[in-house]
């Protein structure tokens, strides 16, 4: 898969939002801004689409909703979920698309906010 060389870090979290595992990956990162007008004003969010080719993922890699994605290498030291979001711009995976059965470019597609 072309243009999937960007370093991405996946953080596997437990039920108490503590980092269980840090998984270095290579893939593509595309972010776009979305907004909507609500009864409370303007709602704004950054939506991330990330594609991880199968050949760039470690054996047994199975992303799931609730994991966190970070563009680039993980920060030094132990980072909390709050620090990953606020200081490092990490996004929480909302949807996982398993596209490993495609013939031309098998990959995982992750959508995060």
PDB file of N, CA and C in Angstrom:
ATOM      1  N   UNK A   1       0.844  -1.166   0.000  1.00  0.00           N
ATOM      2  CA  UNK A   1       0.000   0.000   0.000  1.00  0.00           C
ATOM      3  C   UNK A   1       0.898   1.241   0.000  1.00  0.00           C
ATOM      4  N   UNK A   2       0.633   2.157  -0.908  1.00  0.00           N
ATOM      5  CA  UNK A   2       1.463   3.344  -1.045  1.00  0.00           C
ATOM      6  C   UNK A   2       1.213   4.346   0.073  1.00  0.00           C
ATOM      7  N   UNK A   3       2.240   5.130   0.372  1.00  0.00           N
ATOM      8  CA  UNK A   3       2.172   6.223   1.347  1.00  0.00           C
ATOM      9  C   UNK A   3       1.802   5.766   2.753  1.00  0.00           C
ATOM     10  N   UNK A   4       2.154   4.576   3.108  1.00  0.00           N
ATOM     11  CA  UNK A   4       1.885   4.064   4.454  1.00  0.00           C
ATOM     12  C   UNK A   4       3.191   3.874   5.198  1.00  0.00           C
ATOM     13  N   UNK A   5       3.974   4.935   5.292  1.00  0.00           N
ATOM     14  CA  UNK A   5       5.284   4.861   5.919  1.00  0.00           C
ATOM     15  C   UNK A   5       5.378   5.717   7.179  1.00  0.00           C
ATOM     16  N   UNK A   6       4.295   6.364   7.546  1.00  0.00           N
ATOM     17  CA  UNK A   6       4.313   7.268   8.688  1.00  0.00           C
ATOM     18  C   UNK A   6       4.298   6.482  10.005  1.00  0.00           C
ATOM     19  N   UNK A   7       5.148   6.869  10.981  1.00  0.00           N
ATOM     20  CA  UNK A   7       5.114   6.175  12.271  1.00  0.00           C
ATOM     21  C   UNK A   7       3.837   6.515  13.041  1.00  0.00           C
ATOM     22  N   UNK A   8       3.202   5.473  13.528  1.00  0.00           N
ATOM     23  CA  UNK A   8       1.964   5.594  14.314  1.00  0.00           C
ATOM     24  C   UNK A   8       2.117   4.684  15.514  1.00  0.00           C
ATOM     25  N   UNK A   9       1.602   5.126  16.651  1.00  0.00           N
ATOM     26  CA  UNK A   9       1.651   4.308  17.860  1.00  0.00           C
ATOM     27  C   UNK A   9       0.226   3.991  18.286  1.00  0.00           C
ATOM     28  N   UNK A  10      -0.038   2.720  18.547  1.00  0.00           N
ATOM     29  CA  UNK A  10      -1.336   2.276  19.040  1.00  0.00           C
ATOM     30  C   UNK A  10      -1.182   1.927  20.515  1.00  0.00           C
ATOM     31  N   UNK A  11      -2.075   2.444  21.333  1.00  0.00           N
ATOM     32  CA  UNK A  11      -2.066   2.154  22.762  1.00  0.00           C
ATOM     33  C   UNK A  11      -3.282   1.298  23.090  1.00  0.00           C
ATOM     34  N   UNK A  12      -3.039   0.119  23.627  1.00  0.00           N
ATOM     35  CA  UNK A  12      -4.108  -0.764  24.082  1.00  0.00           C
ATOM     36  C   UNK A  12      -4.407  -0.386  25.535  1.00  0.00           C
ATOM     37  N   UNK A  13      -5.661  -0.091  25.843  1.00  0.00           N
ATOM     38  CA  UNK A  13      -6.055   0.363  27.177  1.00  0.00           C
ATOM     39  C   UNK A  13      -6.870  -0.698  27.900  1.00  0.00           C
ATOM     40  N   UNK A  14      -6.824  -0.663  29.238  1.00  0.00           N
ATOM     41  CA  UNK A  14      -7.681  -1.552  30.020  1.00  0.00           C
ATOM     42  C   UNK A  14      -8.994  -0.837  30.338  1.00  0.00           C
ATOM     43  N   UNK A  15      -9.865  -1.473  31.122  1.00  0.00           N
ATOM     44  CA  UNK A  15     -11.178  -0.898  31.427  1.00  0.00           C
ATOM     45  C   UNK A  15     -11.088   0.354  32.300  1.00  0.00           C
ATOM     46  N   UNK A  16      -9.937   0.596  32.929  1.00  0.00           N
ATOM     47  CA  UNK A  16      -9.737   1.792  33.751  1.00  0.00           C
ATOM     48  C   UNK A  16      -8.916   2.860  33.031  1.00  0.00           C
ATOM     49  N   UNK A  17      -8.822   2.748  31.712  1.00  0.00           N
ATOM     50  CA  UNK A  17      -8.069   3.685  30.870  1.00  0.00           C
ATOM     51  C   UNK A  17      -6.598   3.795  31.250  1.00  0.00           C
ATOM     52  N   UNK A  18      -5.998   2.674  31.574  1.00  0.00           N
ATOM     53  CA  UNK A  18      -4.552   2.623  31.781  1.00  0.00           C
ATOM     54  C   UNK A  18      -3.930   1.929  30.575  1.00  0.00           C
ATOM     55  N   UNK A  19      -2.760   2.386  30.195  1.00  0.00           N
ATOM     56  CA  UNK A  19      -2.081   1.818  29.028  1.00  0.00           C
ATOM     57  C   UNK A  19      -1.550   0.433  29.370  1.00  0.00           C
ATOM     58  N   UNK A  20      -2.026  -0.573  28.630  1.00  0.00           N
ATOM     59  CA  UNK A  20      -1.573  -1.951  28.822  1.00  0.00           C
ATOM     60  C   UNK A  20      -0.412  -2.291  27.897  1.00  0.00           C
ATOM     61  N   UNK A  21      -0.500  -1.784  26.677  1.00  0.00           N
ATOM     62  CA  UNK A  21       0.472  -2.164  25.657  1.00  0.00           C
ATOM     63  C   UNK A  21       0.671  -1.003  24.683  1.00  0.00           C
ATOM     64  N   UNK A  22       1.897  -0.816  24.255  1.00  0.00           N
ATOM     65  CA  UNK A  22       2.238   0.186  23.255  1.00  0.00           C
ATOM     66  C   UNK A  22       2.731  -0.542  22.012  1.00  0.00           C
ATOM     67  N   UNK A  23       2.061  -0.306  20.871  1.00  0.00           N
ATOM     68  CA  UNK A  23       2.366  -1.034  19.644  1.00  0.00           C
ATOM     69  C   UNK A  23       2.829  -0.052  18.568  1.00  0.00           C
ATOM     70  N   UNK A  24       4.111  -0.108  18.177  1.00  0.00           N
ATOM     71  CA  UNK A  24       4.580   0.760  17.094  1.00  0.00           C
ATOM     72  C   UNK A  24       4.132   0.203  15.736  1.00  0.00           C
ATOM     73  N   UNK A  25       3.659   1.097  14.865  1.00  0.00           N
ATOM     74  CA  UNK A  25       3.142   0.711  13.559  1.00  0.00           C
ATOM     75  C   UNK A  25       3.655   1.668  12.490  1.00  0.00           C
ATOM     76  N   UNK A  26       3.405   1.318  11.245  1.00  0.00           N
ATOM     77  CA  UNK A  26       3.638   2.222  10.108  1.00  0.00           C
ATOM     78  C   UNK A  26       2.368   2.198   9.280  1.00  0.00           C
ATOM     79  N   UNK A  27       1.893   3.382   8.907  1.00  0.00           N
ATOM     80  CA  UNK A  27       0.670   3.457   8.132  1.00  0.00           C
ATOM     81  C   UNK A  27       0.448   4.846   7.588  1.00  0.00           C
ATOM     82  N   UNK A  28      -0.788   5.133   7.215  1.00  0.00           N
ATOM     83  CA  UNK A  28      -1.141   6.473   6.735  1.00  0.00           C
ATOM     84  C   UNK A  28      -2.039   7.135   7.770  1.00  0.00           C
ATOM     85  N   UNK A  29      -1.959   8.464   7.845  1.00  0.00           N
ATOM     86  CA  UNK A  29      -2.714   9.249   8.815  1.00  0.00           C
ATOM     87  C   UNK A  29      -3.353  10.406   8.064  1.00  0.00           C
ATOM     88  N   UNK A  30      -4.667  10.449   8.029  1.00  0.00           N
ATOM     89  CA  UNK A  30      -5.378  11.534   7.374  1.00  0.00           C
ATOM     90  C   UNK A  30      -6.354  12.124   8.379  1.00  0.00           C
ATOM     91  N   UNK A  31      -6.193  13.406   8.682  1.00  0.00           N
ATOM     92  CA  UNK A  31      -7.068  14.079   9.644  1.00  0.00           C
ATOM     93  C   UNK A  31      -7.875  15.156   8.930  1.00  0.00           C
ATOM     94  N   UNK A  32      -9.132  15.282   9.322  1.00  0.00           N
ATOM     95  CA  UNK A  32      -9.979  16.339   8.783  1.00  0.00           C
ATOM     96  C   UNK A  32     -10.839  16.896   9.911  1.00  0.00           C
ATOM     97  N   UNK A  33     -11.215  18.136   9.765  1.00  0.00           N
ATOM     98  CA  UNK A  33     -12.044  18.803  10.762  1.00  0.00           C
ATOM     99  C   UNK A  33     -13.509  18.696  10.354  1.00  0.00           C
ATOM    100  N   UNK A  34     -14.355  18.405  11.315  1.00  0.00           N
ATOM    101  CA  UNK A  34     -15.797  18.371  11.085  1.00  0.00           C
ATOM    102  C   UNK A  34     -16.463  19.240  12.136  1.00  0.00           C
ATOM    103  N   UNK A  35     -17.591  19.839  11.758  1.00  0.00           N
ATOM    104  CA  UNK A  35     -18.334  20.669  12.705  1.00  0.00           C
ATOM    105  C   UNK A  35     -19.821  20.494  12.467  1.00  0.00           C
ATOM    106  N   UNK A  36     -20.578  20.774  13.510  1.00  0.00           N
ATOM    107  CA  UNK A  36     -22.031  20.693  13.424  1.00  0.00           C
ATOM    108  C   UNK A  36     -22.616  21.712  14.383  1.00  0.00           C
ATOM    109  N   UNK A  37     -23.736  22.262  13.998  1.00  0.00           N
ATOM    110  CA  UNK A  37     -24.431  23.213  14.848  1.00  0.00           C
ATOM    111  C   UNK A  37     -25.417  22.456  15.725  1.00  0.00           C
ATOM    112  N   UNK A  38     -25.301  22.607  17.035  1.00  0.00           N
ATOM    113  CA  UNK A  38     -26.195  21.926  17.975  1.00  0.00           C
ATOM    114  C   UNK A  38     -26.952  22.976  18.778  1.00  0.00           C
ATOM    115  N   UNK A  39     -27.838  22.512  19.644  1.00  0.00           N
ATOM    116  CA  UNK A  39     -28.575  23.450  20.498  1.00  0.00           C
ATOM    117  C   UNK A  39     -27.670  24.126  21.529  1.00  0.00           C
ATOM    118  N   UNK A  40     -26.467  23.604  21.718  1.00  0.00           N
ATOM    119  CA  UNK A  40     -25.508  24.188  22.657  1.00  0.00           C
ATOM    120  C   UNK A  40     -24.432  25.006  21.954  1.00  0.00           C
ATOM    121  N   UNK A  41     -24.549  25.164  20.651  1.00  0.00           N
ATOM    122  CA  UNK A  41     -23.573  25.929  19.894  1.00  0.00           C
ATOM    123  C   UNK A  41     -22.895  25.070  18.845  1.00  0.00           C
ATOM    124  N   UNK A  42     -21.731  25.509  18.449  1.00  0.00           N
ATOM    125  CA  UNK A  42     -20.981  24.818  17.413  1.00  0.00           C
ATOM    126  C   UNK A  42     -20.137  23.700  18.020  1.00  0.00           C
ATOM    127  N   UNK A  43     -20.308  22.479  17.528  1.00  0.00           N
ATOM    128  CA  UNK A  43     -19.495  21.341  17.967  1.00  0.00           C
ATOM    129  C   UNK A  43     -18.428  21.105  16.906  1.00  0.00           C
ATOM    130  N   UNK A  44     -17.202  20.929  17.347  1.00  0.00           N
ATOM    131  CA  UNK A  44     -16.064  20.793  16.447  1.00  0.00           C
ATOM    132  C   UNK A  44     -15.255  19.571  16.856  1.00  0.00           C
ATOM    133  N   UNK A  45     -14.784  18.815  15.877  1.00  0.00           N
ATOM    134  CA  UNK A  45     -13.956  17.646  16.179  1.00  0.00           C
ATOM    135  C   UNK A  45     -12.962  17.402  15.051  1.00  0.00           C
ATOM    136  N   UNK A  46     -11.879  16.763  15.402  1.00  0.00           N
ATOM    137  CA  UNK A  46     -10.869  16.333  14.433  1.00  0.00           C
ATOM    138  C   UNK A  46     -11.084  14.836  14.223  1.00  0.00           C
ATOM    139  N   UNK A  47     -11.374  14.416  13.007  1.00  0.00           N
ATOM    140  CA  UNK A  47     -11.603  13.011  12.685  1.00  0.00           C
ATOM    141  C   UNK A  47     -10.372  12.480  11.965  1.00  0.00           C
ATOM    142  N   UNK A  48      -9.895  11.322  12.412  1.00  0.00           N
ATOM    143  CA  UNK A  48      -8.676  10.723  11.850  1.00  0.00           C
ATOM    144  C   UNK A  48      -9.040   9.410  11.168  1.00  0.00           C
ATOM    145  N   UNK A  49      -8.528   9.224   9.953  1.00  0.00           N
ATOM    146  CA  UNK A  49      -8.607   7.937   9.270  1.00  0.00           C
ATOM    147  C   UNK A  49      -7.186   7.419   9.144  1.00  0.00           C
ATOM    148  N   UNK A  50      -6.978   6.235   9.643  1.00  0.00           N
ATOM    149  CA  UNK A  50      -5.645   5.648   9.670  1.00  0.00           C
ATOM    150  C   UNK A  50      -5.714   4.281   8.998  1.00  0.00           C
ATOM    151  N   UNK A  51      -4.796   4.046   8.069  1.00  0.00           N
ATOM    152  CA  UNK A  51      -4.730   2.741   7.409  1.00  0.00           C
ATOM    153  C   UNK A  51      -3.407   2.081   7.757  1.00  0.00           C
ATOM    154  N   UNK A  52      -3.495   0.829   8.214  1.00  0.00           N
ATOM    155  CA  UNK A  52      -2.320   0.052   8.586  1.00  0.00           C
ATOM    156  C   UNK A  52      -2.256  -1.167   7.667  1.00  0.00           C
ATOM    157  N   UNK A  53      -1.312  -1.212   6.725  1.00  0.00           N
ATOM    158  CA  UNK A  53      -1.171  -2.402   5.881  1.00  0.00           C
ATOM    159  C   UNK A  53      -0.828  -3.629   6.730  1.00  0.00           C
ATOM    160  N   UNK A  54      -1.309  -4.772   6.312  1.00  0.00           N
ATOM    161  CA  UNK A  54      -1.076  -6.012   7.057  1.00  0.00           C
ATOM    162  C   UNK A  54       0.421  -6.271   7.233  1.00  0.00           C
ATOM    163  N   UNK A  55       1.215  -5.973   6.198  1.00  0.00           N
ATOM    164  CA  UNK A  55       2.651  -6.239   6.299  1.00  0.00           C
ATOM    165  C   UNK A  55       3.356  -5.301   7.278  1.00  0.00           C
ATOM    166  N   UNK A  56       2.721  -4.189   7.664  1.00  0.00           N
ATOM    167  CA  UNK A  56       3.308  -3.262   8.628  1.00  0.00           C
ATOM    168  C   UNK A  56       2.836  -3.497  10.064  1.00  0.00           C
ATOM    169  N   UNK A  57       1.935  -4.435  10.256  1.00  0.00           N
ATOM    170  CA  UNK A  57       1.396  -4.726  11.586  1.00  0.00           C
ATOM    171  C   UNK A  57       2.071  -5.972  12.165  1.00  0.00           C
ATOM    172  N   UNK A  58       2.290  -5.999  13.480  1.00  0.00           N
ATOM    173  CA  UNK A  58       2.870  -7.198  14.088  1.00  0.00           C
ATOM    174  C   UNK A  58       1.897  -8.372  14.038  1.00  0.00           C
ATOM    175  N   UNK A  59       2.431  -9.578  14.133  1.00  0.00           N
ATOM    176  CA  UNK A  59       1.576 -10.768  14.157  1.00  0.00           C
ATOM    177  C   UNK A  59       0.595 -10.673  15.318  1.00  0.00           C
ATOM    178  N   UNK A  60      -0.647 -11.011  15.051  1.00  0.00           N
ATOM    179  CA  UNK A  60      -1.665 -10.993  16.091  1.00  0.00           C
ATOM    180  C   UNK A  60      -2.274  -9.631  16.342  1.00  0.00           C
ATOM    181  N   UNK A  61      -1.903  -8.621  15.565  1.00  0.00           N
ATOM    182  CA  UNK A  61      -2.451  -7.279  15.747  1.00  0.00           C
ATOM    183  C   UNK A  61      -3.936  -7.294  15.429  1.00  0.00           C
ATOM    184  N   UNK A  62      -4.745  -6.889  16.376  1.00  0.00           N
ATOM    185  CA  UNK A  62      -6.191  -6.824  16.202  1.00  0.00           C
ATOM    186  C   UNK A  62      -6.698  -5.566  16.906  1.00  0.00           C
ATOM    187  N   UNK A  63      -6.772  -4.452  16.191  1.00  0.00           N
ATOM    188  CA  UNK A  63      -7.231  -3.220  16.823  1.00  0.00           C
ATOM    189  C   UNK A  63      -8.690  -3.320  17.225  1.00  0.00           C
ATOM    190  N   UNK A  64      -9.087  -2.488  18.168  1.00  0.00           N
ATOM    191  CA  UNK A  64     -10.485  -2.492  18.622  1.00  0.00           C
ATOM    192  C   UNK A  64     -10.887  -1.079  19.015  1.00  0.00           C
ATOM    193  N   UNK A  65     -12.174  -0.845  19.030  1.00  0.00           N
ATOM    194  CA  UNK A  65     -12.692   0.449  19.460  1.00  0.00           C
ATOM    195  C   UNK A  65     -12.265   0.681  20.907  1.00  0.00           C
ATOM    196  N   UNK A  66     -11.852   1.901  21.192  1.00  0.00           N
ATOM    197  CA  UNK A  66     -11.365   2.236  22.530  1.00  0.00           C
ATOM    198  C   UNK A  66      -9.853   2.323  22.600  1.00  0.00           C
ATOM    199  N   UNK A  67      -9.145   1.727  21.640  1.00  0.00           N
ATOM    200  CA  UNK A  67      -7.694   1.896  21.581  1.00  0.00           C
ATOM    201  C   UNK A  67      -7.396   3.357  21.255  1.00  0.00           C
ATOM    202  N   UNK A  68      -6.175   3.784  21.513  1.00  0.00           N
ATOM    203  CA  UNK A  68      -5.781   5.145  21.177  1.00  0.00           C
ATOM    204  C   UNK A  68      -4.686   5.128  20.126  1.00  0.00           C
ATOM    205  N   UNK A  69      -4.716   6.108  19.230  1.00  0.00           N
ATOM    206  CA  UNK A  69      -3.714   6.245  18.185  1.00  0.00           C
ATOM    207  C   UNK A  69      -2.982   7.566  18.357  1.00  0.00           C
ATOM    208  N   UNK A  70      -1.696   7.513  18.134  1.00  0.00           N
ATOM    209  CA  UNK A  70      -0.850   8.696  18.229  1.00  0.00           C
ATOM    210  C   UNK A  70      -0.019   8.781  16.965  1.00  0.00           C
ATOM    211  N   UNK A  71       0.009   9.948  16.373  1.00  0.00           N
ATOM    212  CA  UNK A  71       0.833  10.149  15.182  1.00  0.00           C
ATOM    213  C   UNK A  71       2.269  10.335  15.639  1.00  0.00           C
ATOM    214  N   UNK A  72       3.151   9.447  15.213  1.00  0.00           N
ATOM    215  CA  UNK A  72       4.554   9.513  15.587  1.00  0.00           C
ATOM    216  C   UNK A  72       4.915   8.487  16.648  1.00  0.00           C
ATOM    217  N   UNK A  73       6.114   8.650  17.177  1.00  0.00           N
ATOM    218  CA  UNK A  73       6.633   7.733  18.201  1.00  0.00           C
ATOM    219  C   UNK A  73       6.004   8.054  19.550  1.00  0.00           C
ATOM    220  N   UNK A  74       5.961   7.073  20.456  1.00  0.00           N
ATOM    221  CA  UNK A  74       5.378   7.332  21.780  1.00  0.00           C
ATOM    222  C   UNK A  74       6.254   8.294  22.573  1.00  0.00           C
ATOM    223  N   UNK A  75       5.641   9.067  23.462  1.00  0.00           N
ATOM    224  CA  UNK A  75       6.424   9.984  24.295  1.00  0.00           C
ATOM    225  C   UNK A  75       7.291   9.216  25.283  1.00  0.00           C
ATOM    226  N   UNK A  76       8.383   9.846  25.699  1.00  0.00           N
ATOM    227  CA  UNK A  76       9.258   9.226  26.694  1.00  0.00           C
ATOM    228  C   UNK A  76       8.530   9.133  28.033  1.00  0.00           C
ATOM    229  N   UNK A  77       8.788   8.071  28.764  1.00  0.00           N
ATOM    230  CA  UNK A  77       8.182   7.897  30.080  1.00  0.00           C
ATOM    231  C   UNK A  77       6.776   7.340  29.979  1.00  0.00           C
ATOM    232  N   UNK A  78       6.153   7.213  31.109  1.00  0.00           N
ATOM    233  CA  UNK A  78       4.794   6.695  31.186  1.00  0.00           C
ATOM    234  C   UNK A  78       3.817   7.850  31.037  1.00  0.00           C
ATOM    235  N   UNK A  79       2.983   7.785  30.026  1.00  0.00           N
ATOM    236  CA  UNK A  79       2.001   8.834  29.779  1.00  0.00           C
ATOM    237  C   UNK A  79       0.608   8.335  30.131  1.00  0.00           C
ATOM    238  N   UNK A  80      -0.169   9.193  30.737  1.00  0.00           N
ATOM    239  CA  UNK A  80      -1.558   8.853  31.037  1.00  0.00           C
ATOM    240  C   UNK A  80      -2.410   9.119  29.799  1.00  0.00           C
ATOM    241  N   UNK A  81      -3.625   8.604  29.810  1.00  0.00           N
ATOM    242  CA  UNK A  81      -4.535   8.807  28.695  1.00  0.00           C
ATOM    243  C   UNK A  81      -4.817  10.296  28.521  1.00  0.00           C
ATOM    244  N   UNK A  82      -5.001  11.010  29.621  1.00  0.00           N
ATOM    245  CA  UNK A  82      -5.261  12.449  29.554  1.00  0.00           C
ATOM    246  C   UNK A  82      -4.086  13.183  28.916  1.00  0.00           C
ATOM    247  N   UNK A  83      -2.871  12.839  29.307  1.00  0.00           N
ATOM    248  CA  UNK A  83      -1.684  13.482  28.732  1.00  0.00           C
ATOM    249  C   UNK A  83      -1.548  13.140  27.255  1.00  0.00           C
ATOM    250  N   UNK A  84      -1.839  11.915  26.880  1.00  0.00           N
ATOM    251  CA  UNK A  84      -1.758  11.526  25.471  1.00  0.00           C
ATOM    252  C   UNK A  84      -2.724  12.356  24.629  1.00  0.00           C
ATOM    253  N   UNK A  85      -3.929  12.590  25.141  1.00  0.00           N
ATOM    254  CA  UNK A  85      -4.921  13.366  24.400  1.00  0.00           C
ATOM    255  C   UNK A  85      -4.572  14.844  24.363  1.00  0.00           C
ATOM    256  N   UNK A  86      -4.295  15.425  25.511  1.00  0.00           N
ATOM    257  CA  UNK A  86      -4.111  16.881  25.597  1.00  0.00           C
ATOM    258  C   UNK A  86      -2.766  17.358  25.079  1.00  0.00           C
ATOM    259  N   UNK A  87      -1.694  16.709  25.478  1.00  0.00           N
ATOM    260  CA  UNK A  87      -0.360  17.177  25.112  1.00  0.00           C
ATOM    261  C   UNK A  87       0.144  16.619  23.793  1.00  0.00           C
ATOM    262  N   UNK A  88      -0.295  15.406  23.461  1.00  0.00           N
ATOM    263  CA  UNK A  88       0.278  14.739  22.290  1.00  0.00           C
ATOM    264  C   UNK A  88      -0.711  14.555  21.142  1.00  0.00           C
ATOM    265  N   UNK A  89      -1.975  14.919  21.338  1.00  0.00           N
ATOM    266  CA  UNK A  89      -2.960  14.855  20.262  1.00  0.00           C
ATOM    267  C   UNK A  89      -3.411  13.461  19.878  1.00  0.00           C
ATOM    268  N   UNK A  90      -3.423  12.538  20.826  1.00  0.00           N
ATOM    269  CA  UNK A  90      -3.872  11.173  20.532  1.00  0.00           C
ATOM    270  C   UNK A  90      -5.379  11.159  20.270  1.00  0.00           C
ATOM    271  N   UNK A  91      -5.816  10.200  19.475  1.00  0.00           N
ATOM    272  CA  UNK A  91      -7.226  10.059  19.121  1.00  0.00           C
ATOM    273  C   UNK A  91      -7.720   8.675  19.558  1.00  0.00           C
ATOM    274  N   UNK A  92      -8.979   8.608  19.952  1.00  0.00           N
ATOM    275  CA  UNK A  92      -9.586   7.350  20.388  1.00  0.00           C
ATOM    276  C   UNK A  92     -10.281   6.670  19.220  1.00  0.00           C
ATOM    277  N   UNK A  93      -9.974   5.401  19.009  1.00  0.00           N
ATOM    278  CA  UNK A  93     -10.560   4.639  17.905  1.00  0.00           C
ATOM    279  C   UNK A  93     -12.051   4.435  18.171  1.00  0.00           C
ATOM    280  N   UNK A  94     -12.858   4.811  17.185  1.00  0.00           N
ATOM    281  CA  UNK A  94     -14.309   4.649  17.268  1.00  0.00           C
ATOM    282  C   UNK A  94     -14.803   3.496  16.403  1.00  0.00           C
ATOM    283  N   UNK A  95     -14.116   3.250  15.279  1.00  0.00           N
ATOM    284  CA  UNK A  95     -14.542   2.187  14.356  1.00  0.00           C
ATOM    285  C   UNK A  95     -13.322   1.490  13.770  1.00  0.00           C
ATOM    286  N   UNK A  96     -13.442   0.177  13.622  1.00  0.00           N
ATOM    287  CA  UNK A  96     -12.375  -0.646  13.043  1.00  0.00           C
ATOM    288  C   UNK A  96     -12.954  -1.368  11.830  1.00  0.00           C
ATOM    289  N   UNK A  97     -12.279  -1.222  10.692  1.00  0.00           N
ATOM    290  CA  UNK A  97     -12.694  -1.902   9.465  1.00  0.00           C
ATOM    291  C   UNK A  97     -11.596  -2.889   9.079  1.00  0.00           C
ATOM    292  N   UNK A  98     -11.947  -4.156   9.058  1.00  0.00           N
ATOM    293  CA  UNK A  98     -11.005  -5.219   8.714  1.00  0.00           C
ATOM    294  C   UNK A  98     -11.032  -5.440   7.210  1.00  0.00           C
ATOM    295  N   UNK A  99     -10.084  -4.850   6.510  1.00  0.00           N
ATOM    296  CA  UNK A  99      -9.995  -4.978   5.056  1.00  0.00           C
ATOM    297  C   UNK A  99      -8.845  -5.895   4.650  1.00  0.00           C
ATOM    298  N   UNK A 100      -8.618  -6.933   5.435  1.00  0.00           N
ATOM    299  CA  UNK A 100      -7.523  -7.850   5.141  1.00  0.00           C
ATOM    300  C   UNK A 100      -7.845  -8.816   4.018  1.00  0.00           C
ATOM    301  N   UNK A 101      -9.099  -8.897   3.620  1.00  0.00           N
ATOM    302  CA  UNK A 101      -9.477  -9.844   2.569  1.00  0.00           C
ATOM    303  C   UNK A 101      -9.361  -9.249   1.172  1.00  0.00           C
ATOM    304  N   UNK A 102      -9.064  -7.960   1.077  1.00  0.00           N
ATOM    305  CA  UNK A 102      -8.911  -7.358  -0.243  1.00  0.00           C
ATOM    306  C   UNK A 102      -7.656  -7.908  -0.912  1.00  0.00           C
ATOM    307  N   UNK A 103      -7.701  -8.067  -2.209  1.00  0.00           N
ATOM    308  CA  UNK A 103      -6.618  -8.715  -2.939  1.00  0.00           C
ATOM    309  C   UNK A 103      -5.428  -7.781  -3.130  1.00  0.00           C
ATOM    310  N   UNK A 104      -5.679  -6.540  -3.491  1.00  0.00           N
ATOM    311  CA  UNK A 104      -4.593  -5.638  -3.861  1.00  0.00           C
ATOM    312  C   UNK A 104      -3.823  -5.062  -2.678  1.00  0.00           C
ATOM    313  N   UNK A 105      -4.503  -4.655  -1.647  1.00  0.00           N
ATOM    314  CA  UNK A 105      -3.823  -3.988  -0.529  1.00  0.00           C
ATOM    315  C   UNK A 105      -4.533  -4.303   0.786  1.00  0.00           C
ATOM    316  N   UNK A 106      -4.318  -5.492   1.356  1.00  0.00           N
ATOM    317  CA  UNK A 106      -4.969  -5.819   2.624  1.00  0.00           C
ATOM    318  C   UNK A 106      -4.486  -4.888   3.732  1.00  0.00           C
ATOM    319  N   UNK A 107      -5.439  -4.380   4.517  1.00  0.00           N
ATOM    320  CA  UNK A 107      -5.089  -3.406   5.552  1.00  0.00           C
ATOM    321  C   UNK A 107      -6.185  -3.326   6.609  1.00  0.00           C
ATOM    322  N   UNK A 108      -5.862  -2.658   7.703  1.00  0.00           N
ATOM    323  CA  UNK A 108      -6.828  -2.271   8.728  1.00  0.00           C
ATOM    324  C   UNK A 108      -7.136  -0.796   8.501  1.00  0.00           C
ATOM    325  N   UNK A 109      -8.395  -0.405   8.544  1.00  0.00           N
ATOM    326  CA  UNK A 109      -8.764   1.005   8.494  1.00  0.00           C
ATOM    327  C   UNK A 109      -9.354   1.362   9.846  1.00  0.00           C
ATOM    328  N   UNK A 110      -8.786   2.362  10.490  1.00  0.00           N
ATOM    329  CA  UNK A 110      -9.235   2.790  11.815  1.00  0.00           C
ATOM    330  C   UNK A 110      -9.758   4.209  11.724  1.00  0.00           C
ATOM    331  N   UNK A 111     -10.920   4.450  12.315  1.00  0.00           N
ATOM    332  CA  UNK A 111     -11.486   5.794  12.380  1.00  0.00           C
ATOM    333  C   UNK A 111     -11.471   6.218  13.838  1.00  0.00           C
ATOM    334  N   UNK A 112     -10.911   7.400  14.092  1.00  0.00           N
ATOM    335  CA  UNK A 112     -10.728   7.862  15.461  1.00  0.00           C
ATOM    336  C   UNK A 112     -11.101   9.329  15.591  1.00  0.00           C
ATOM    337  N   UNK A 113     -11.453   9.708  16.826  1.00  0.00           N
ATOM    338  CA  UNK A 113     -11.789  11.088  17.155  1.00  0.00           C
ATOM    339  C   UNK A 113     -10.944  11.515  18.336  1.00  0.00           C
TER     340      UNK A 113
END
